[in-house]
Protein backbone atom coordinates (compact mmCIF):
# COMPACT_ATOMS: atom_id res chain seq x y z
CA ILE A 1 0.00 0.00 0.00
CA SER A 2 1.48 3.31 -1.04
CA SER A 3 1.83 6.15 1.46
CA SER A 4 -0.48 8.40 -0.59
CA LEU A 5 -3.28 5.83 -0.34
CA VAL A 6 -2.74 5.56 3.41
CA ALA A 7 -2.88 9.36 3.67
CA ILE A 8 -6.20 9.47 1.77
CA VAL A 9 -7.74 6.72 3.90
CA THR A 10 -6.47 8.41 7.07
CA ALA A 11 -8.01 11.72 5.98
CA TYR A 12 -11.40 10.04 5.42
CA LEU A 13 -11.18 8.31 8.80
CA ILE A 14 -10.37 11.58 10.57
CA VAL A 15 -13.34 13.33 8.94
CA ALA A 16 -15.58 10.41 9.97
CA LEU A 17 -14.13 10.51 13.48
CA LEU A 18 -14.83 14.22 13.81
CA SER A 19 -18.29 13.99 12.23
CA ILE A 20 -19.66 10.89 13.93
CA GLY A 21 -17.14 10.22 16.69
CA THR A 22 -17.71 13.57 18.38
CA LEU A 23 -21.46 12.87 18.56
CA ILE A 24 -20.82 9.45 20.08
CA ALA A 25 -18.20 10.79 22.50
CA PHE A 26 -20.48 13.65 23.58
CA SER A 27 -23.42 11.28 24.12
CA LEU A 28 -21.26 8.94 26.20
CA ALA A 29 -19.87 11.85 28.23
CA VAL A 30 -23.41 13.10 28.94
CA GLY A 31 -24.43 9.59 30.01
CA VAL A 32 -21.43 9.22 32.32
CA ASN A 33 -21.87 12.67 33.90
CA THR A 34 -25.65 12.50 34.34
CA ARG A 35 -26.79 12.17 37.93
CA TYR A 36 -30.25 11.76 39.41
CA VAL A 37 -31.49 14.02 42.19
CA GLU A 38 -34.66 14.28 44.24
CA VAL A 39 -36.45 17.54 43.45
CA GLU A 40 -39.34 19.07 45.35
CA PHE A 41 -41.82 21.03 43.28
CA ARG A 42 -45.17 22.72 43.64
CA THR A 43 -47.90 22.09 41.12
CA PHE A 44 -51.65 22.55 40.74
CA SER A 45 -53.72 20.07 42.72
CA ASP A 46 -56.07 17.52 41.15
CA ALA A 47 -59.03 19.39 42.65
CA TYR A 48 -57.92 22.57 40.85
CA TRP A 49 -57.77 20.76 37.50
CA GLN A 50 -61.19 19.16 38.03
CA GLU A 51 -62.78 22.58 38.55
CA TYR A 52 -60.74 24.07 35.72
CA TRP A 53 -61.92 21.50 33.17
CA GLN A 54 -65.56 21.98 34.18
CA CYS A 55 -65.46 25.47 32.67
CA SER A 56 -66.73 25.94 29.13
CA ASP A 57 -64.11 26.08 26.43
CA GLY A 58 -62.82 29.67 26.13
CA ASP A 59 -64.66 30.94 29.23
CA THR A 60 -61.86 33.12 30.62
CA ALA A 61 -63.96 34.45 33.50
CA CYS A 62 -64.63 30.89 34.69
CA TYR A 63 -60.94 29.97 34.41
CA GLU A 64 -59.94 32.97 36.52
CA ALA A 65 -62.64 32.24 39.11
CA VAL A 66 -61.22 28.79 39.90
CA PRO A 67 -59.34 29.10 43.21
CA VAL A 68 -55.64 28.29 42.87
CA GLU A 69 -54.80 25.27 44.99
CA CYS A 70 -51.27 23.89 45.01
CA VAL A 71 -49.63 20.74 46.33
CA THR A 72 -45.97 19.90 46.91
CA ARG A 73 -44.57 16.74 45.37
CA GLN A 74 -41.20 15.06 45.01
CA VAL A 75 -39.81 13.68 41.78
CA THR A 76 -36.49 12.21 40.66
CA THR A 77 -34.97 14.13 37.77
CA SER A 78 -31.74 13.87 35.80
CA VAL A 79 -29.09 16.60 35.78
CA SER A 80 -26.50 16.60 32.98
CA PRO A 81 -23.68 19.15 33.37
CA THR A 82 -23.05 19.84 29.67
CA ASP A 83 -21.20 23.06 30.50
CA LYS A 84 -18.06 20.97 31.18
CA ILE A 85 -18.18 18.78 28.05
CA TRP A 86 -19.68 20.95 25.28
CA TRP A 87 -16.23 21.41 23.69
CA ILE A 88 -16.35 17.78 22.49
CA LEU A 89 -19.28 18.67 20.24
CA ALA A 90 -17.57 21.91 19.17
CA MET A 91 -14.96 19.83 17.28
CA ASN A 92 -17.66 18.49 14.92
CA PRO A 93 -17.13 20.04 11.45
CA TYR A 94 -20.85 20.55 10.95
CA VAL A 95 -21.14 22.38 14.27
CA ILE A 96 -18.18 24.59 13.32
CA VAL A 97 -19.73 25.49 9.96
CA GLY A 98 -23.20 25.99 11.47
CA ASP A 99 -21.91 28.24 14.24
CA MET A 100 -19.62 30.21 11.91
CA VAL A 101 -22.24 30.80 9.21
CA ALA A 102 -24.90 31.80 11.76
CA GLY A 103 -22.94 34.96 12.58
CA PRO A 104 -23.45 36.97 15.75
CA LEU A 105 -26.17 35.77 18.09
CA ASN A 106 -29.42 37.70 17.71
CA THR A 107 -30.74 38.14 21.25
CA ASP A 108 -34.05 39.68 20.14
CA SER A 109 -35.75 36.66 18.58
CA TYR A 110 -35.45 32.98 17.79
CA SER A 111 -33.41 32.10 14.75
CA ASN A 112 -35.36 31.07 11.68
CA ASP A 113 -32.63 29.07 9.92
CA MET A 114 -30.80 25.80 10.60
CA PHE A 115 -27.41 27.46 11.17
CA GLY A 116 -28.83 29.76 13.82
CA LEU A 117 -30.51 26.83 15.57
CA VAL A 118 -27.24 24.86 15.61
CA SER A 119 -25.42 27.89 17.00
CA ALA A 120 -28.03 28.48 19.71
CA ALA A 121 -28.09 24.78 20.64
CA VAL A 122 -24.32 24.56 21.08
CA ARG A 123 -24.25 27.82 23.03
CA GLY A 124 -27.07 26.51 25.20
CA LEU A 125 -24.83 23.59 26.20
CA GLN A 126 -22.37 26.09 27.70
CA ILE A 127 -24.86 27.31 30.30
CA GLU A 128 -24.26 25.83 33.74
CA THR A 129 -26.93 23.31 34.64
CA ASP A 130 -29.36 24.55 37.26
CA THR A 131 -28.98 22.20 40.21
CA THR A 132 -31.85 23.65 42.20
CA ASP A 133 -33.73 21.19 44.39
CA TYR A 134 -37.02 23.09 44.19
CA TRP A 135 -39.22 24.66 41.54
CA THR A 136 -42.83 25.65 41.12
CA ASP A 137 -45.43 25.15 38.40
CA CYS A 138 -48.05 26.83 40.55
CA PRO A 139 -47.71 30.57 39.90
CA THR A 140 -49.59 33.38 41.50
CA SER A 141 -51.10 36.22 39.48
CA PRO A 142 -49.95 36.92 36.80
CA PRO A 143 -49.63 33.21 36.01
CA TYR A 144 -46.74 33.45 33.60
CA LEU A 145 -44.11 36.09 33.00
CA ALA A 146 -42.84 36.26 29.44
CA SER A 147 -39.08 36.40 29.03
CA ALA A 148 -37.74 39.59 27.50
CA SER A 149 -35.77 37.53 25.01
CA PRO A 150 -35.64 33.84 24.16
CA TYR A 151 -31.83 34.02 24.10
CA ASP A 152 -31.21 36.00 27.31
CA ASP A 153 -29.25 33.14 28.87
CA LEU A 154 -26.94 32.88 25.85
CA THR A 155 -25.45 36.37 26.09
CA ASP A 156 -22.59 35.18 28.34
CA THR A 157 -21.63 32.26 26.09
CA VAL A 158 -18.90 32.19 23.46
CA ALA A 159 -18.98 31.24 19.79
CA ALA A 160 -18.11 27.55 19.54
CA TRP A 161 -16.62 27.60 16.06
CA TRP A 162 -13.26 29.13 16.95
CA ILE A 163 -12.79 26.73 19.87
CA GLY A 164 -13.69 23.75 17.68
CA LEU A 165 -11.43 25.00 14.89
CA GLY A 166 -8.59 25.52 17.38
CA LEU A 167 -8.98 21.96 18.66
CA GLN A 168 -8.98 20.65 15.08
CA ILE A 169 -5.77 22.61 14.35
CA VAL A 170 -4.11 21.09 17.44
CA LEU A 171 -5.23 17.62 16.28
CA ALA A 172 -3.91 18.25 12.75
CA ALA A 173 -0.58 19.53 14.12
CA GLY A 174 -0.23 16.39 16.24
CA ILE A 175 -0.95 14.15 13.24
CA LEU A 176 1.54 16.04 11.05
CA ALA A 177 4.20 15.89 13.77
CA GLY A 178 3.67 12.13 14.11
CA ALA A 179 3.85 11.66 10.33
CA TYR A 180 7.05 13.73 10.15
CA ARG A 181 8.70 11.59 12.83
CA ARG A 182 7.73 8.37 11.04
CA LEU A 183 8.98 9.58 7.65
CA LYS A 184 12.20 11.16 8.92
CA THR A 185 15.26 9.30 7.62
CA PRO A 186 17.59 8.27 10.47
CA THR A 187 20.76 9.43 8.69
CA ALA A 188 22.68 9.92 11.93
CA LYS A 189 22.24 6.23 12.87
CA LEU A 190 23.13 4.68 9.51
CA ALA A 191 26.53 3.08 8.97
CA ARG A 192 28.91 4.90 6.67
CA GLY A 193 28.28 4.00 3.03
CA SER A 194 24.68 2.81 3.57
CA ARG A 195 22.08 3.78 1.01
CA VAL A 196 18.42 4.59 1.70
CA ALA A 197 16.01 3.43 -1.01
């Protein structure tokens, strides 16, 4: 097998490793780092829902007249700290291209293209996982507060493409250094008069 053929096959394998291997490695890392915690939360009681569903469809006055009654329950939930392992996914060539093409993050609205969604998803992995042991689904008036922006949490994150590209450059430099060492002719160790074919 000629060295050029080996180089071509190696290049294909590296692209496959970065494209598919990073997804597998990230999934395994999430699985290993996931832990399960007991969480206490407040939610609407069954009695509240029974009264709520007795109202006619669209009868807002009836909905508002139902007295809010909450109960506290415990549930086991999974917590995956992706903020420590997101860089594995950043090495994926498709993530690099998606994050680079998406441009600066628009904090005013959701993205309407695939590149923007990839960028927002990878940046969302950088946010530290909320390890709170309590939350509530049982709000007081007003029932829900709209967020000022869907991407408010992403303002403190960094673009993933330059980190992924940097890691790929380090990987390529390591491969080239290894190839150089293997192809280097050991002229200092050869006996006088020896020929290298």
